C-alpha atoms as a PDB file:
ATOM      1  CA  UNK A   1      -1.041  23.886   6.747  1.00  0.00           C
ATOM      2  CA  UNK A   2       0.827  21.484   9.026  1.00  0.00           C
ATOM      3  CA  UNK A   3       4.572  21.951   8.745  1.00  0.00           C
ATOM      4  CA  UNK A   4       7.044  19.155   8.711  1.00  0.00           C
ATOM      5  CA  UNK A   5      10.278  18.721   9.555  1.00  0.00           C
ATOM      6  CA  UNK A   6      13.206  15.983   8.328  1.00  0.00           C
ATOM      7  CA  UNK A   7      13.456  13.693  11.128  1.00  0.00           C
ATOM      8  CA  UNK A   8      16.829  11.727  11.726  1.00  0.00           C
ATOM      9  CA  UNK A   9      15.051   8.912   9.375  1.00  0.00           C
ATOM     10  CA  UNK A  10      14.981  11.130   6.556  1.00  0.00           C
ATOM     11  CA  UNK A  11      17.268   8.870   4.267  1.00  0.00           C
ATOM     12  CA  UNK A  12      14.854   6.155   4.627  1.00  0.00           C
ATOM     13  CA  UNK A  13      12.951   5.401   1.346  1.00  0.00           C
ATOM     14  CA  UNK A  14       9.143   6.694   1.113  1.00  0.00           C
ATOM     15  CA  UNK A  15       7.411   3.183   2.193  1.00  0.00           C
ATOM     16  CA  UNK A  16      10.146   2.840   5.177  1.00  0.00           C
ATOM     17  CA  UNK A  17       9.474   6.421   6.391  1.00  0.00           C
ATOM     18  CA  UNK A  18       5.954   6.087   6.153  1.00  0.00           C
ATOM     19  CA  UNK A  19       6.138   3.111   8.452  1.00  0.00           C
ATOM     20  CA  UNK A  20       7.914   4.769  11.185  1.00  0.00           C
ATOM     21  CA  UNK A  21       5.402   7.830  10.455  1.00  0.00           C
ATOM     22  CA  UNK A  22       2.822   5.019  11.483  1.00  0.00           C
ATOM     23  CA  UNK A  23       4.466   4.257  14.442  1.00  0.00           C
ATOM     24  CA  UNK A  24       4.462   7.875  15.577  1.00  0.00           C
ATOM     25  CA  UNK A  25       0.970   8.016  14.832  1.00  0.00           C
ATOM     26  CA  UNK A  26      -0.215   5.162  17.004  1.00  0.00           C
ATOM     27  CA  UNK A  27       1.438   6.591  20.028  1.00  0.00           C
ATOM     28  CA  UNK A  28       0.802  10.662  19.498  1.00  0.00           C
ATOM     29  CA  UNK A  29      -2.616  10.621  17.708  1.00  0.00           C
ATOM     30  CA  UNK A  30      -2.471  14.113  17.903  1.00  0.00           C
ATOM     31  CA  UNK A  31       0.078  14.192  15.502  1.00  0.00           C
ATOM     32  CA  UNK A  32      -1.269  12.711  12.624  1.00  0.00           C
ATOM     33  CA  UNK A  33      -4.966  12.458  13.508  1.00  0.00           C
ATOM     34  CA  UNK A  34      -6.377  11.022   9.773  1.00  0.00           C
ATOM     35  CA  UNK A  35      -3.578   8.424   9.743  1.00  0.00           C
ATOM     36  CA  UNK A  36      -4.364   7.722  13.743  1.00  0.00           C
ATOM     37  CA  UNK A  37      -8.280   7.111  13.478  1.00  0.00           C
ATOM     38  CA  UNK A  38      -7.826   4.942  10.436  1.00  0.00           C
ATOM     39  CA  UNK A  39      -5.227   3.086  12.417  1.00  0.00           C
ATOM     40  CA  UNK A  40      -7.184   2.601  14.907  1.00  0.00           C
ATOM     41  CA  UNK A  41     -10.639   1.959  12.780  1.00  0.00           C
ATOM     42  CA  UNK A  42      -9.267  -2.034  12.426  1.00  0.00           C
ATOM     43  CA  UNK A  43      -8.593  -4.208   9.486  1.00  0.00           C
ATOM     44  CA  UNK A  44     -12.036  -4.032   8.203  1.00  0.00           C
ATOM     45  CA  UNK A  45     -12.155  -0.156   7.624  1.00  0.00           C
ATOM     46  CA  UNK A  46      -8.593  -0.033   6.204  1.00  0.00           C
ATOM     47  CA  UNK A  47      -9.157  -2.679   3.570  1.00  0.00           C
ATOM     48  CA  UNK A  48     -12.218  -0.770   2.676  1.00  0.00           C
ATOM     49  CA  UNK A  49     -10.037   2.460   2.264  1.00  0.00           C
ATOM     50  CA  UNK A  50      -7.618   0.217   0.168  1.00  0.00           C
ATOM     51  CA  UNK A  51     -10.161  -1.205  -1.958  1.00  0.00           C
ATOM     52  CA  UNK A  52     -11.450   2.402  -2.834  1.00  0.00           C
ATOM     53  CA  UNK A  53      -8.231   3.884  -3.627  1.00  0.00           C
ATOM     54  CA  UNK A  54      -7.517   0.854  -5.734  1.00  0.00           C
ATOM     55  CA  UNK A  55     -10.637   1.335  -7.670  1.00  0.00           C
ATOM     56  CA  UNK A  56      -9.917   5.198  -7.993  1.00  0.00           C
ATOM     57  CA  UNK A  57      -6.760   4.690  -9.495  1.00  0.00           C
ATOM     58  CA  UNK A  58      -8.113   2.023 -11.906  1.00  0.00           C
ATOM     59  CA  UNK A  59     -10.947   4.726 -12.930  1.00  0.00           C
ATOM     60  CA  UNK A  60      -8.034   7.426 -13.609  1.00  0.00           C
ATOM     61  CA  UNK A  61      -5.875   4.589 -15.603  1.00  0.00           C
ATOM     62  CA  UNK A  62      -8.854   3.968 -18.182  1.00  0.00           C
ATOM     63  CA  UNK A  63      -9.704   7.817 -18.404  1.00  0.00           C
ATOM     64  CA  UNK A  64      -6.102   7.937 -19.193  1.00  0.00           C
ATOM     65  CA  UNK A  65      -4.974  10.728 -16.692  1.00  0.00           C
ATOM     66  CA  UNK A  66      -1.808  10.477 -15.620  1.00  0.00           C
ATOM     67  CA  UNK A  67      -1.330  12.894 -12.997  1.00  0.00           C
ATOM     68  CA  UNK A  68      -4.713  11.708 -10.962  1.00  0.00           C
ATOM     69  CA  UNK A  69      -3.623   8.158 -11.128  1.00  0.00           C
ATOM     70  CA  UNK A  70      -0.036   8.934  -9.962  1.00  0.00           C
ATOM     71  CA  UNK A  71      -1.853  10.539  -7.123  1.00  0.00           C
ATOM     72  CA  UNK A  72      -4.214   7.852  -6.783  1.00  0.00           C
ATOM     73  CA  UNK A  73      -1.408   5.110  -6.752  1.00  0.00           C
ATOM     74  CA  UNK A  74       0.350   7.032  -3.883  1.00  0.00           C
ATOM     75  CA  UNK A  75      -3.025   6.965  -1.913  1.00  0.00           C
ATOM     76  CA  UNK A  76      -3.206   3.133  -2.654  1.00  0.00           C
ATOM     77  CA  UNK A  77       0.621   2.647  -1.567  1.00  0.00           C
ATOM     78  CA  UNK A  78      -0.353   4.581   1.725  1.00  0.00           C
ATOM     79  CA  UNK A  79      -3.396   2.600   2.276  1.00  0.00           C
ATOM     80  CA  UNK A  80      -1.680  -0.684   1.623  1.00  0.00           C
ATOM     81  CA  UNK A  81       0.922   0.204   4.029  1.00  0.00           C
ATOM     82  CA  UNK A  82      -1.495   1.103   7.007  1.00  0.00           C
ATOM     83  CA  UNK A  83      -3.190  -2.120   6.362  1.00  0.00           C
ATOM     84  CA  UNK A  84       0.039  -3.990   6.591  1.00  0.00           C
ATOM     85  CA  UNK A  85       0.758  -2.113   9.766  1.00  0.00           C
ATOM     86  CA  UNK A  86      -2.910  -3.229  10.595  1.00  0.00           C
ATOM     87  CA  UNK A  87      -1.842  -6.901  10.187  1.00  0.00           C
ATOM     88  CA  UNK A  88       1.432  -6.363  11.947  1.00  0.00           C
ATOM     89  CA  UNK A  89       3.262  -6.600   8.406  1.00  0.00           C
ATOM     90  CA  UNK A  90       6.133  -4.710   6.863  1.00  0.00           C
ATOM     91  CA  UNK A  91       6.502  -3.992   3.560  1.00  0.00           C
ATOM     92  CA  UNK A  92       9.854  -5.939   3.735  1.00  0.00           C
ATOM     93  CA  UNK A  93       7.618  -8.906   4.358  1.00  0.00           C
ATOM     94  CA  UNK A  94       6.012  -8.075   0.682  1.00  0.00           C
ATOM     95  CA  UNK A  95       9.409  -7.703  -0.785  1.00  0.00           C
ATOM     96  CA  UNK A  96      10.522 -11.099   0.631  1.00  0.00           C
ATOM     97  CA  UNK A  97       7.635 -12.533  -0.815  1.00  0.00           C
ATOM     98  CA  UNK A  98       8.358 -10.527  -4.064  1.00  0.00           C
ATOM     99  CA  UNK A  99      11.604 -12.097  -4.169  1.00  0.00           C
ATOM    100  CA  UNK A 100      10.807 -15.675  -3.211  1.00  0.00           C
ATOM    101  CA  UNK A 101       8.266 -15.626  -6.437  1.00  0.00           C
ATOM    102  CA  UNK A 102      10.961 -14.366  -8.677  1.00  0.00           C
ATOM    103  CA  UNK A 103      13.447 -16.659  -7.324  1.00  0.00           C
ATOM    104  CA  UNK A 104      10.496 -19.693  -8.030  1.00  0.00           C
ATOM    105  CA  UNK A 105       9.265 -18.384 -11.189  1.00  0.00           C
ATOM    106  CA  UNK A 106      11.588 -16.124 -12.713  1.00  0.00           C
ATOM    107  CA  UNK A 107       9.414 -13.174 -12.232  1.00  0.00           C
ATOM    108  CA  UNK A 108       7.315 -11.867  -9.281  1.00  0.00           C
ATOM    109  CA  UNK A 109       3.942 -12.639 -10.210  1.00  0.00           C
ATOM    110  CA  UNK A 110       1.818 -15.460  -8.673  1.00  0.00           C
ATOM    111  CA  UNK A 111       1.200 -18.596 -10.952  1.00  0.00           C
ATOM    112  CA  UNK A 112      -2.262 -18.343 -12.627  1.00  0.00           C
ATOM    113  CA  UNK A 113      -4.746 -20.446 -10.808  1.00  0.00           C
ATOM    114  CA  UNK A 114      -5.922 -23.425 -12.420  1.00  0.00           C
ATOM    115  CA  UNK A 115      -8.881 -22.903 -15.277  1.00  0.00           C
ATOM    116  CA  UNK A 116      -6.691 -19.225 -16.096  1.00  0.00           C
ATOM    117  CA  UNK A 117      -4.692 -18.646 -18.924  1.00  0.00           C
ATOM    118  CA  UNK A 118      -1.379 -17.043 -18.889  1.00  0.00           C
ATOM    119  CA  UNK A 119      -2.874 -13.606 -18.850  1.00  0.00           C
ATOM    120  CA  UNK A 120      -4.722 -14.720 -15.270  1.00  0.00           C
ATOM    121  CA  UNK A 121      -7.884 -14.098 -17.722  1.00  0.00           C
ATOM    122  CA  UNK A 122     -10.502 -16.798 -17.271  1.00  0.00           C
ATOM    123  CA  UNK A 123     -10.263 -19.685 -20.190  1.00  0.00           C
ATOM    124  CA  UNK A 124     -13.587 -20.837 -21.322  1.00  0.00           C
END
C-alpha cells in the first residue's frame, strides 16, 4: 500500500488538490504510475475513461446502490479533472462557466436545445 503524506497544499479542496497531484504525476511518473499513464495516453483515452465512469455511475444509480454510486461519482470526477488537464483547462474554468450560466439563466444549467422540452427530453 502506498503511504500518502499531507503536502503543504493540504488546505486545498479535493478538486484543486487533484489538479496539483496531476501536475506532480506529469513530472514524476513513478509517483502515480496509473495516473501518469492516463495523462500521457491523450485526450481520446481520457475521454473514453470518463465515459466509462459516467456509465458505471448511471448503472449504480439505477440499481439504487448509493455506496457504489458514490464511488463511481468520485471516479467520474477524477477522470473529468484528468480530461480537463489534458485539454489544458481547470476546474475553475468549469466553475466560471457555471457562474456565467447562473447569471444568464438563474440556474447553472444550460438552456434546452431547440425541439427539446424544459426537462431536456425530446418533444414529439
